[in-house]
């Protein structure tokens, strides 16, 4: 037997234990015979609004037979904010939205429908240029995944989706008000209980691995925990999970909201991302620098230490992506289990932005500065891209394990642990931080950064209606 500190516990996930569905045109034919009549060809824009075109199965099969399958989407599609477009976007030009059949899943919440995602491509690229569209969120995440694979590493990502079920939006009224994880929040036969069960059934029917669900701490608040997947597939699962929650709740006459902070006197809703870093079974084509990390105070592997250090170096500067609404900053505070305001990590510490959890040899990171208003492709690209830079450069872990809340430490105690960075206090400050970060521009490119910040600023203005009450209502109706 091993020592108590080395014994594995709980379910351990590795890339080799994850099985992914694989679809082809033949499988699309099988979908048709199994009752699927429509394909929801879906994308997520820069404001995290999910949009789609609904295509009859026969028309979709004909589309796949084309030499270059895809549908036309106006280039403004990524820059829409309400009924207008953000500065930098116009109504001129079109992209080709190309299906990725590996993303195809039945919609458990909509019998007869299947969901599909894809990649935006240039219809006719300029001479010598790639088909890729540098603003396409799925393309940006795919690039990070490919970059990691070239360095000899893979990621697994699992997401906790927290949300609140409302019986009324005006006034805002939750379905119940019971404490965290209590059985009283899920009484047999109650509307919310039936709704939660149907959401769970729909997720499973869609092929999403559901690990558990339970009541959370705020009024009407619940959480679904889904299994880990490679980053692109994990983001796809997040989109389908959110759509399932919204649609099943509406079916039961409820409004599900993933807004970060509905009640200022209670807990907010987040989308904690659980991330593990694994050496790939495929040899690296671009070997990263060896890590000089000699930090023996942690059981993390050298590449995990480098990932963590680099992530914390940038975590405050990617907040405009991971926490993209002003309401997000009402959730980020010290002492409320949201991760606090300092760029810190801690072993099993929920008061730090990054919690180290899992047994030695099977560690993973819980990223707590992440909510459901974030586009999952962009937020995972930002988080993984930031950490990957550290792996490639072999950086040292110099930030120490934080005991308790960083805010409660003295300045000397924080300095001794190299805890210096602080989260922005507003969305405007978050945009300024992102604009000035060279590492963010390396991951996304300068053009994307400027366009994204333009959309984000326009969305903030659009969501600001004049009064706290009307702002709150608009938030729960939008997210």
Protein backbone atom coordinates (compact mmCIF):
# COMPACT_ATOMS: atom_id res chain seq x y z
CA UNK A 1 0.00 0.00 0.00
CA UNK A 2 1.10 3.54 -0.66
CA UNK A 3 1.23 6.33 1.86
CA UNK A 4 -1.96 8.37 2.48
CA UNK A 5 -0.44 11.20 0.47
CA UNK A 6 0.09 9.09 -2.66
CA UNK A 7 -3.04 6.95 -2.75
CA UNK A 8 -5.24 7.76 -5.74
CA UNK A 9 -8.84 8.56 -4.96
CA UNK A 10 -12.00 9.22 -6.93
CA UNK A 11 -12.35 8.68 -10.65
CA UNK A 12 -9.17 9.39 -12.60
CA UNK A 13 -9.48 10.65 -16.18
CA UNK A 14 -6.76 10.56 -18.84
CA UNK A 15 -6.91 11.13 -22.60
CA UNK A 16 -6.80 7.35 -23.11
CA UNK A 17 -9.95 6.84 -21.01
CA UNK A 18 -12.03 9.34 -23.00
CA UNK A 19 -14.01 8.02 -25.96
CA UNK A 20 -15.31 10.47 -28.56
CA UNK A 21 -18.12 9.94 -31.05
CA UNK A 22 -17.10 10.03 -34.69
CA UNK A 23 -19.59 10.80 -37.44
CA UNK A 24 -19.56 10.55 -41.22
CA UNK A 25 -22.04 11.18 -44.03
CA UNK A 26 -23.17 7.56 -43.61
CA UNK A 27 -24.01 8.30 -39.99
CA UNK A 28 -26.04 11.33 -41.08
CA UNK A 29 -28.11 8.93 -43.17
CA UNK A 30 -28.54 6.78 -40.07
CA UNK A 31 -29.70 9.86 -38.16
CA UNK A 32 -32.42 10.39 -40.74
CA UNK A 33 -33.70 6.83 -40.37
CA UNK A 34 -33.65 7.19 -36.58
CA UNK A 35 -36.07 10.11 -36.67
CA UNK A 36 -33.79 13.16 -36.95
CA UNK A 37 -35.53 15.59 -39.29
CA UNK A 38 -33.59 18.82 -38.74
CA UNK A 39 -29.99 19.90 -38.20
CA UNK A 40 -29.38 22.95 -36.01
CA UNK A 41 -26.20 24.36 -37.53
CA UNK A 42 -24.98 26.41 -34.59
CA UNK A 43 -22.29 28.98 -33.84
CA UNK A 44 -21.45 31.19 -30.85
CA UNK A 45 -20.62 34.84 -31.47
CA UNK A 46 -18.19 37.10 -29.63
CA UNK A 47 -20.86 38.10 -27.09
CA UNK A 48 -21.60 34.43 -26.30
CA UNK A 49 -24.97 34.50 -28.02
CA UNK A 50 -25.79 31.13 -29.61
CA UNK A 51 -27.12 31.43 -33.15
CA UNK A 52 -28.20 28.78 -35.64
CA UNK A 53 -29.67 27.91 -39.01
CA UNK A 54 -32.15 25.02 -39.03
CA UNK A 55 -31.66 22.77 -42.05
CA UNK A 56 -33.99 19.89 -43.02
CA UNK A 57 -32.10 16.59 -43.01
CA UNK A 58 -32.57 16.06 -46.77
CA UNK A 59 -31.18 19.49 -47.59
CA UNK A 60 -28.28 18.84 -45.22
CA UNK A 61 -27.42 15.54 -46.92
CA UNK A 62 -27.40 17.36 -50.26
CA UNK A 63 -25.16 20.04 -48.73
CA UNK A 64 -22.64 17.41 -47.63
CA UNK A 65 -22.46 16.10 -51.19
CA UNK A 66 -21.06 19.44 -52.38
CA UNK A 67 -17.37 19.69 -53.24
CA UNK A 68 -16.92 22.21 -50.45
CA UNK A 69 -19.88 21.94 -48.03
CA UNK A 70 -20.95 24.98 -46.08
CA UNK A 71 -23.50 27.75 -45.71
CA UNK A 72 -23.07 31.48 -46.23
CA UNK A 73 -22.89 33.65 -43.11
CA UNK A 74 -22.45 37.43 -43.20
CA UNK A 75 -19.10 38.55 -41.78
CA UNK A 76 -21.01 40.80 -39.38
CA UNK A 77 -22.35 37.68 -37.64
CA UNK A 78 -19.55 37.70 -35.06
CA UNK A 79 -19.92 41.42 -34.34
CA UNK A 80 -23.65 41.75 -33.80
CA UNK A 81 -24.71 43.51 -30.61
CA UNK A 82 -28.47 43.59 -30.31
CA UNK A 83 -29.86 44.97 -33.60
CA UNK A 84 -26.61 46.72 -34.59
CA UNK A 85 -22.97 45.83 -35.14
CA UNK A 86 -19.91 46.84 -33.17
CA UNK A 87 -17.33 49.27 -34.60
CA UNK A 88 -15.02 47.43 -36.98
CA UNK A 89 -17.80 45.27 -38.44
CA UNK A 90 -19.93 46.00 -41.48
CA UNK A 91 -22.67 44.32 -43.49
CA UNK A 92 -20.28 43.75 -46.38
CA UNK A 93 -18.82 40.32 -47.06
CA UNK A 94 -19.60 36.69 -46.27
CA UNK A 95 -17.91 33.69 -44.69
CA UNK A 96 -18.47 30.04 -45.47
CA UNK A 97 -19.57 28.15 -42.36
CA UNK A 98 -18.18 24.64 -42.81
CA UNK A 99 -19.67 21.71 -40.84
CA UNK A 100 -17.54 19.69 -38.43
CA UNK A 101 -19.31 16.34 -38.39
CA UNK A 102 -17.39 15.24 -35.30
CA UNK A 103 -19.49 17.77 -33.33
CA UNK A 104 -22.83 16.29 -34.41
CA UNK A 105 -25.06 15.25 -31.50
CA UNK A 106 -28.75 14.59 -31.12
CA UNK A 107 -30.63 17.33 -29.29
CA UNK A 108 -32.01 15.56 -26.26
CA UNK A 109 -34.15 18.61 -25.56
CA UNK A 110 -35.69 18.74 -29.06
CA UNK A 111 -36.87 15.39 -30.50
CA UNK A 112 -36.19 15.17 -34.22
CA UNK A 113 -33.31 17.66 -34.08
CA UNK A 114 -29.52 17.28 -34.00
CA UNK A 115 -26.95 19.96 -33.18
CA UNK A 116 -23.88 20.66 -35.31
CA UNK A 117 -21.01 23.12 -35.07
CA UNK A 118 -18.33 24.09 -37.55
CA UNK A 119 -15.60 26.50 -38.60
CA UNK A 120 -15.86 29.84 -40.35
CA UNK A 121 -13.73 29.98 -43.49
CA UNK A 122 -12.94 32.57 -46.12
CA UNK A 123 -15.10 31.99 -49.18
CA UNK A 124 -12.31 33.09 -51.50
CA UNK A 125 -9.07 33.78 -49.63
CA UNK A 126 -6.61 36.31 -50.95
CA UNK A 127 -3.66 34.88 -52.82
CA UNK A 128 -1.38 32.95 -50.48
CA UNK A 129 -3.71 33.26 -47.49
CA UNK A 130 -5.31 30.49 -45.46
CA UNK A 131 -9.00 29.63 -45.52
CA UNK A 132 -9.05 30.13 -41.74
CA UNK A 133 -10.91 33.07 -40.23
CA UNK A 134 -8.91 34.56 -37.39
CA UNK A 135 -12.06 35.71 -35.58
CA UNK A 136 -13.69 32.25 -35.52
CA UNK A 137 -13.87 31.11 -31.87
CA UNK A 138 -13.68 27.38 -32.67
CA UNK A 139 -10.71 27.96 -34.97
CA UNK A 140 -8.86 29.88 -32.25
CA UNK A 141 -9.35 27.07 -29.74
CA UNK A 142 -8.33 24.46 -32.31
CA UNK A 143 -5.08 26.37 -32.90
CA UNK A 144 -4.23 26.21 -29.19
CA UNK A 145 -4.98 22.46 -29.12
CA UNK A 146 -2.76 21.90 -32.16
CA UNK A 147 -0.01 24.05 -30.65
CA UNK A 148 -0.13 21.97 -27.46
CA UNK A 149 0.00 18.72 -29.44
CA UNK A 150 3.05 19.97 -31.33
CA UNK A 151 4.72 20.57 -27.97
CA UNK A 152 3.80 17.05 -26.83
CA UNK A 153 0.89 17.85 -24.52
CA UNK A 154 -2.86 17.37 -24.34
CA UNK A 155 -5.57 18.86 -22.14
CA UNK A 156 -8.78 17.55 -20.64
CA UNK A 157 -11.50 20.00 -19.60
CA UNK A 158 -14.61 19.49 -17.49
CA UNK A 159 -17.10 22.25 -16.72
CA UNK A 160 -19.47 22.87 -13.82
CA UNK A 161 -22.53 24.74 -15.10
CA UNK A 162 -24.29 26.76 -12.40
CA UNK A 163 -27.62 28.47 -13.08
CA UNK A 164 -30.77 29.72 -11.39
CA UNK A 165 -34.31 28.63 -12.18
CA UNK A 166 -36.77 31.53 -12.03
CA UNK A 167 -40.55 31.31 -11.91
CA UNK A 168 -40.75 35.03 -12.75
CA UNK A 169 -38.46 37.55 -14.43
CA UNK A 170 -40.44 40.68 -13.53
CA UNK A 171 -40.12 40.67 -10.61
CA UNK A 172 -37.18 38.26 -10.38
CA UNK A 173 -38.40 35.32 -8.31
CA UNK A 174 -36.62 31.98 -7.87
CA UNK A 175 -38.40 28.63 -7.83
CA UNK A 176 -37.31 28.01 -4.23
CA UNK A 177 -34.90 29.12 -1.54
CA UNK A 178 -33.05 26.27 0.12
CA UNK A 179 -29.43 25.86 1.25
CA UNK A 180 -26.61 24.20 -0.68
CA UNK A 181 -27.07 20.53 -1.63
CA UNK A 182 -30.17 20.06 0.53
CA UNK A 183 -32.74 17.46 -0.47
CA UNK A 184 -35.43 20.07 0.22
CA UNK A 185 -34.41 21.86 -2.99
CA UNK A 186 -35.47 18.83 -5.07
CA UNK A 187 -38.83 17.70 -3.64
CA UNK A 188 -40.51 14.84 -5.46
CA UNK A 189 -43.04 16.05 -8.02
CA UNK A 190 -42.06 19.73 -7.80
CA UNK A 191 -41.71 21.64 -11.07
CA UNK A 192 -38.01 22.30 -10.49
CA UNK A 193 -37.33 18.64 -9.69
CA UNK A 194 -39.08 17.43 -12.84
CA UNK A 195 -37.23 20.09 -14.83
CA UNK A 196 -33.84 19.01 -13.47
CA UNK A 197 -34.54 15.34 -14.18
CA UNK A 198 -35.57 16.11 -17.74
CA UNK A 199 -32.44 18.20 -18.30
CA UNK A 200 -30.34 15.30 -17.01
CA UNK A 201 -32.14 12.83 -19.28
CA UNK A 202 -31.72 15.15 -22.27
CA UNK A 203 -27.98 15.58 -21.67
CA UNK A 204 -27.51 11.82 -21.49
CA UNK A 205 -29.60 11.36 -24.64
CA UNK A 206 -27.28 13.84 -26.38
CA UNK A 207 -24.26 11.73 -25.50
CA UNK A 208 -22.92 14.12 -22.86
CA UNK A 209 -21.41 12.38 -19.85
CA UNK A 210 -23.28 13.68 -16.81
CA UNK A 211 -21.43 13.05 -13.55
CA UNK A 212 -23.93 14.61 -11.14
CA UNK A 213 -26.31 17.46 -10.41
CA UNK A 214 -27.33 19.13 -7.17
CA UNK A 215 -28.75 22.25 -5.58
CA UNK A 216 -26.39 25.17 -5.09
CA UNK A 217 -26.42 27.90 -2.44
CA UNK A 218 -28.40 30.79 -3.96
CA UNK A 219 -32.20 30.81 -4.29
CA UNK A 220 -33.26 28.51 -7.13
CA UNK A 221 -29.64 27.71 -7.96
CA UNK A 222 -28.52 24.35 -9.33
CA UNK A 223 -25.44 22.84 -10.93
CA UNK A 224 -24.71 20.21 -13.57
CA UNK A 225 -21.26 18.61 -13.63
CA UNK A 226 -20.27 17.00 -16.92
CA UNK A 227 -17.32 14.74 -17.65
CA UNK A 228 -13.94 15.86 -19.01
CA UNK A 229 -13.25 16.02 -22.73
CA UNK A 230 -10.55 17.42 -25.01
CA UNK A 231 -10.92 21.22 -25.16
CA UNK A 232 -12.82 21.60 -28.43
CA UNK A 233 -15.26 18.82 -27.57
CA UNK A 234 -15.61 20.23 -24.04
CA UNK A 235 -16.60 23.64 -25.40
CA UNK A 236 -19.08 22.00 -27.77
CA UNK A 237 -20.58 20.15 -24.80
CA UNK A 238 -20.88 23.42 -22.86
CA UNK A 239 -22.88 24.97 -25.69
CA UNK A 240 -25.24 21.99 -25.87
CA UNK A 241 -25.54 21.83 -22.07
CA UNK A 242 -26.56 25.48 -21.87
CA UNK A 243 -29.04 25.10 -24.72
CA UNK A 244 -30.52 22.05 -23.00
CA UNK A 245 -30.93 23.91 -19.72
CA UNK A 246 -32.59 26.92 -21.37
CA UNK A 247 -34.97 24.86 -23.49
CA UNK A 248 -36.10 22.33 -20.90
CA UNK A 249 -36.64 25.11 -18.35
CA UNK A 250 -38.81 27.00 -20.86
CA UNK A 251 -40.79 23.81 -21.50
CA UNK A 252 -41.63 23.76 -17.77
CA UNK A 253 -42.66 27.42 -17.76
CA UNK A 254 -39.44 28.55 -16.07
CA UNK A 255 -36.61 30.86 -17.03
CA UNK A 256 -33.11 29.47 -16.55
CA UNK A 257 -30.48 32.16 -16.16
CA UNK A 258 -26.72 31.72 -16.14
CA UNK A 259 -26.18 35.37 -15.14
CA UNK A 260 -23.14 35.72 -12.85
CA UNK A 261 -24.89 37.55 -10.01
CA UNK A 262 -28.67 37.64 -9.67
CA UNK A 263 -28.76 38.30 -5.91
CA UNK A 264 -26.24 40.70 -4.40
CA UNK A 265 -26.82 39.20 -0.95
CA UNK A 266 -26.17 35.62 -2.05
CA UNK A 267 -23.87 33.46 -4.16
CA UNK A 268 -23.32 34.06 -7.85
CA UNK A 269 -23.26 31.55 -10.70
CA UNK A 270 -20.02 30.43 -12.32
CA UNK A 271 -18.65 27.95 -14.83
CA UNK A 272 -15.67 26.51 -12.99
CA UNK A 273 -13.31 24.89 -15.50
CA UNK A 274 -11.43 21.77 -14.38
CA UNK A 275 -8.29 21.37 -16.48
CA UNK A 276 -5.67 18.63 -16.49
CA UNK A 277 -2.43 18.66 -18.48
CA UNK A 278 -1.13 15.39 -19.94
CA UNK A 279 1.91 14.35 -21.92
CA UNK A 280 0.80 13.23 -25.35
CA UNK A 281 1.36 9.72 -26.65
CA UNK A 282 2.37 11.34 -29.94
CA UNK A 283 5.98 12.63 -30.08
CA UNK A 284 6.38 16.39 -30.00
CA UNK A 285 7.28 18.16 -33.22
CA UNK A 286 8.32 21.33 -31.38
CA UNK A 287 9.97 20.24 -28.16
CA UNK A 288 9.46 22.82 -25.38
CA UNK A 289 12.31 24.10 -23.27
CA UNK A 290 13.07 21.83 -20.30
CA UNK A 291 11.61 23.21 -17.10
CA UNK A 292 14.27 24.30 -14.59
CA UNK A 293 11.58 24.03 -11.94
CA UNK A 294 13.07 22.69 -8.73
CA UNK A 295 10.15 23.69 -6.52
CA UNK A 296 9.89 20.65 -4.26
CA UNK A 297 7.16 22.11 -2.05
CA UNK A 298 4.46 20.80 -4.39
CA UNK A 299 3.62 17.40 -5.84
CA UNK A 300 2.88 18.91 -9.26
CA UNK A 301 4.85 17.69 -12.27
CA UNK A 302 7.23 20.24 -13.85
CA UNK A 303 4.90 20.90 -16.80
CA UNK A 304 1.98 21.44 -14.41
CA UNK A 305 4.03 23.96 -12.45
CA UNK A 306 5.00 25.82 -15.60
CA UNK A 307 1.38 25.83 -16.80
CA UNK A 308 0.16 27.19 -13.47
CA UNK A 309 2.76 29.95 -13.24
CA UNK A 310 2.14 31.17 -16.76
CA UNK A 311 -1.64 31.05 -16.30
CA UNK A 312 -1.45 33.11 -13.12
CA UNK A 313 0.86 35.59 -14.85
CA UNK A 314 -1.94 36.28 -17.38
CA UNK A 315 -5.13 35.41 -15.50
CA UNK A 316 -5.92 39.03 -14.63
CA UNK A 317 -5.31 40.09 -18.25
CA UNK A 318 -7.65 37.53 -19.84
CA UNK A 319 -10.56 38.50 -17.58
CA UNK A 320 -12.29 40.42 -20.37
CA UNK A 321 -12.71 37.01 -22.05
CA UNK A 322 -13.35 34.74 -19.05
CA UNK A 323 -15.50 37.33 -17.22
CA UNK A 324 -16.90 39.37 -20.12
CA UNK A 325 -19.82 41.27 -18.55
CA UNK A 326 -20.00 43.97 -15.91
CA UNK A 327 -22.16 41.58 -13.86
CA UNK A 328 -19.17 39.22 -13.78
CA UNK A 329 -17.31 41.62 -11.50
CA UNK A 330 -20.13 41.63 -8.97
CA UNK A 331 -19.30 37.94 -8.45
CA UNK A 332 -15.52 38.33 -8.21
CA UNK A 333 -14.89 39.33 -4.61
CA UNK A 334 -12.96 38.19 -1.57
CA UNK A 335 -14.55 35.96 1.04
CA UNK A 336 -17.50 34.61 -0.97
CA UNK A 337 -15.97 31.40 -2.41
CA UNK A 338 -15.65 32.95 -5.86
CA UNK A 339 -11.85 32.71 -5.96
CA UNK A 340 -10.98 36.09 -4.52
CA UNK A 341 -9.29 39.00 -6.25
CA UNK A 342 -5.59 38.02 -6.14
CA UNK A 343 -3.73 35.99 -8.76
CA UNK A 344 -3.13 33.09 -6.41
CA UNK A 345 -3.44 29.32 -6.25
CA UNK A 346 -4.01 27.02 -3.32
CA UNK A 347 -4.26 23.33 -2.57
CA UNK A 348 -7.98 22.54 -2.21
CA UNK A 349 -8.49 26.28 -1.67
CA UNK A 350 -11.76 27.66 -3.05
CA UNK A 351 -10.73 31.18 -2.08
CA UNK A 352 -8.07 31.32 -4.80
CA UNK A 353 -8.52 31.91 -8.52
CA UNK A 354 -6.96 28.51 -9.21
CA UNK A 355 -7.56 25.53 -6.93
CA UNK A 356 -5.15 22.61 -7.12
CA UNK A 357 -7.07 19.40 -6.59
CA UNK A 358 -6.76 15.67 -7.23
CA UNK A 359 -4.16 13.20 -5.93
CA UNK A 360 -0.46 13.46 -6.82
CA UNK A 361 0.05 12.10 -10.30
CA UNK A 362 -3.55 12.96 -11.19
CA UNK A 363 -3.72 16.64 -10.30
CA UNK A 364 -5.95 19.06 -12.09
CA UNK A 365 -6.66 22.77 -11.81
CA UNK A 366 -10.04 24.32 -11.08
CA UNK A 367 -10.21 27.76 -12.71
CA UNK A 368 -12.71 29.78 -10.69
CA UNK A 369 -12.51 33.13 -12.51
CA UNK A 370 -14.78 31.90 -15.29
CA UNK A 371 -18.53 32.29 -15.74
CA UNK A 372 -21.27 31.34 -18.16
CA UNK A 373 -21.38 34.69 -19.97
CA UNK A 374 -18.03 33.74 -21.55
CA UNK A 375 -17.83 32.23 -25.02
CA UNK A 376 -16.43 28.78 -24.06
CA UNK A 377 -14.17 28.52 -27.11
CA UNK A 378 -12.56 31.87 -26.42
CA UNK A 379 -12.28 31.42 -22.67
CA UNK A 380 -10.66 27.99 -22.99
CA UNK A 381 -8.34 29.29 -25.71
CA UNK A 382 -7.33 32.12 -23.36
CA UNK A 383 -6.80 29.89 -20.31
CA UNK A 384 -5.04 27.05 -22.11
CA UNK A 385 -3.07 29.38 -24.36
CA UNK A 386 -1.77 31.31 -21.36
CA UNK A 387 -0.71 28.15 -19.54
CA UNK A 388 0.77 26.55 -22.63
CA UNK A 389 3.14 29.47 -23.13
CA UNK A 390 4.67 28.61 -19.75
CA UNK A 391 5.09 24.95 -20.71
CA UNK A 392 6.78 25.88 -23.99
CA UNK A 393 9.12 28.28 -22.22
CA UNK A 394 9.79 26.00 -19.23
CA UNK A 395 9.03 28.73 -16.69
CA UNK A 396 9.55 28.36 -12.95
CA UNK A 397 6.65 28.24 -10.51
CA UNK A 398 7.45 31.15 -8.21
CA UNK A 399 3.98 31.79 -6.75
CA UNK A 400 3.55 29.88 -3.52
CA UNK A 401 0.64 27.80 -2.24
CA UNK A 402 -1.82 30.22 -0.63
CA UNK A 403 -3.35 29.23 2.70
CA UNK A 404 -6.84 30.68 3.11
CA UNK A 405 -7.70 34.04 1.57
CA UNK A 406 -4.90 36.03 -0.01
CA UNK A 407 -6.61 39.24 1.09
CA UNK A 408 -6.18 38.18 4.74
CA UNK A 409 -2.41 37.82 4.39
CA UNK A 410 -0.18 40.74 5.24
CA UNK A 411 1.68 42.48 2.43
CA UNK A 412 4.87 40.76 3.57
CA UNK A 413 3.16 37.35 3.59
CA UNK A 414 1.82 37.89 0.08
CA UNK A 415 5.22 39.12 -1.10
CA UNK A 416 6.88 36.03 0.37
CA UNK A 417 4.59 33.90 -1.81
CA UNK A 418 4.99 36.22 -4.81
CA UNK A 419 1.24 36.94 -4.82
CA UNK A 420 1.11 40.32 -6.53
CA UNK A 421 -1.42 40.35 -9.37
CA UNK A 422 -5.00 41.51 -8.76
CA UNK A 423 -8.15 41.05 -10.79
CA UNK A 424 -9.66 44.09 -12.50
CA UNK A 425 -12.49 45.71 -10.57
CA UNK A 426 -14.59 46.49 -13.64
CA UNK A 427 -15.09 45.36 -17.20
CA UNK A 428 -13.55 48.58 -18.48
CA UNK A 429 -10.38 47.89 -16.47
CA UNK A 430 -10.40 44.30 -17.77
CA UNK A 431 -10.41 45.56 -21.35
CA UNK A 432 -7.48 47.87 -20.62
CA UNK A 433 -5.51 44.99 -19.11
CA UNK A 434 -6.21 42.73 -22.06
CA UNK A 435 -5.24 45.39 -24.59
CA UNK A 436 -1.85 45.82 -22.92
CA UNK A 437 -0.92 42.13 -22.61
CA UNK A 438 1.55 40.84 -25.20
CA UNK A 439 0.91 37.20 -24.29
CA UNK A 440 -2.80 37.55 -25.08
CA UNK A 441 -1.97 39.02 -28.48
CA UNK A 442 0.40 36.12 -29.12
CA UNK A 443 -2.41 33.61 -28.54
CA UNK A 444 -5.18 35.46 -30.40
CA UNK A 445 -3.48 37.94 -32.72
CA UNK A 446 -3.77 41.73 -32.57
CA UNK A 447 -6.68 41.93 -35.00
CA UNK A 448 -8.80 39.59 -32.91
CA UNK A 449 -7.96 41.45 -29.69
CA UNK A 450 -9.06 44.79 -31.13
CA UNK A 451 -12.24 43.39 -32.69
CA UNK A 452 -13.16 41.47 -29.56
CA UNK A 453 -12.66 44.49 -27.32
CA UNK A 454 -14.79 46.58 -29.68
CA UNK A 455 -17.63 44.05 -29.45
CA UNK A 456 -17.24 43.73 -25.69
CA UNK A 457 -17.45 47.49 -25.14
CA UNK A 458 -20.50 47.75 -27.40
CA UNK A 459 -22.17 44.88 -25.54
CA UNK A 460 -21.54 46.54 -22.18
CA UNK A 461 -23.30 49.69 -23.41
CA UNK A 462 -26.16 47.61 -24.84
CA UNK A 463 -26.67 45.81 -21.53
CA UNK A 464 -26.69 49.06 -19.53
CA UNK A 465 -30.31 50.20 -19.50
CA UNK A 466 -30.24 52.88 -16.81
CA UNK A 467 -31.41 51.27 -13.57
CA UNK A 468 -30.13 48.29 -11.56
CA UNK A 469 -33.55 46.63 -11.78
CA UNK A 470 -33.83 46.88 -15.57
CA UNK A 471 -30.16 45.89 -15.97
CA UNK A 472 -30.79 42.75 -13.90
CA UNK A 473 -33.85 41.86 -15.95
CA UNK A 474 -31.97 42.30 -19.22
CA UNK A 475 -29.12 40.15 -17.92
CA UNK A 476 -31.35 37.22 -16.97
CA UNK A 477 -33.15 37.46 -20.31
CA UNK A 478 -29.87 37.53 -22.27
CA UNK A 479 -27.82 34.91 -20.41
